[in-house]
């Protein structure tokens, strides 16, 4: 039932999300990485103050999300990852999930509020200058993106946008990687 609610929220809010973004991107942008590529090198600091780098991510199955708090579409994806992946597998030491907020500096309080309200418990980080985003996608690409890498640091799946069918594939891919 929760999946139906999340799917309905995401489907109904796609147009709203695009219309509300004052920094509207064209959704024709693509990834600059491909399946089979190695994760790019980068460092980030989580909202908890932990400084991490991509070397950590290369040693375990990893989900990297790019989101924005103003976008219900991103919120739907975050809730789905929380409910169907993170809560199910976070006790395993070989999975890591992180969401990078593309919110601008003035929206950081809103990002914290929205993720707390929605019960997101996996690591979060800001990417307000899109430095990490640009390692994965073209600058004009849509915000809501998901990258999955294996324990060898190889990218095994890429998703732009959030659709029920593709998220089923995401869940299946994660299950296969954690066997």
Foldseek 3Di string as FASTA:
>chain_A
DVLVVLQVQLVVQPVVQQVPDPVHFDAPWDWPDDFFDFQDWDWFAWPVGDIDICVVVLQAKEKEWFAELSGSQLVSVLLCCVPQPCVVPVVDPRYAYEYEYCDAPVCPVSVVVSCVVSVRDGTYGYDPVCPSVVSIIPPRHDGTKMWIDASNRGTHDIDRTDDPVVVVVVSVVVVVRVD
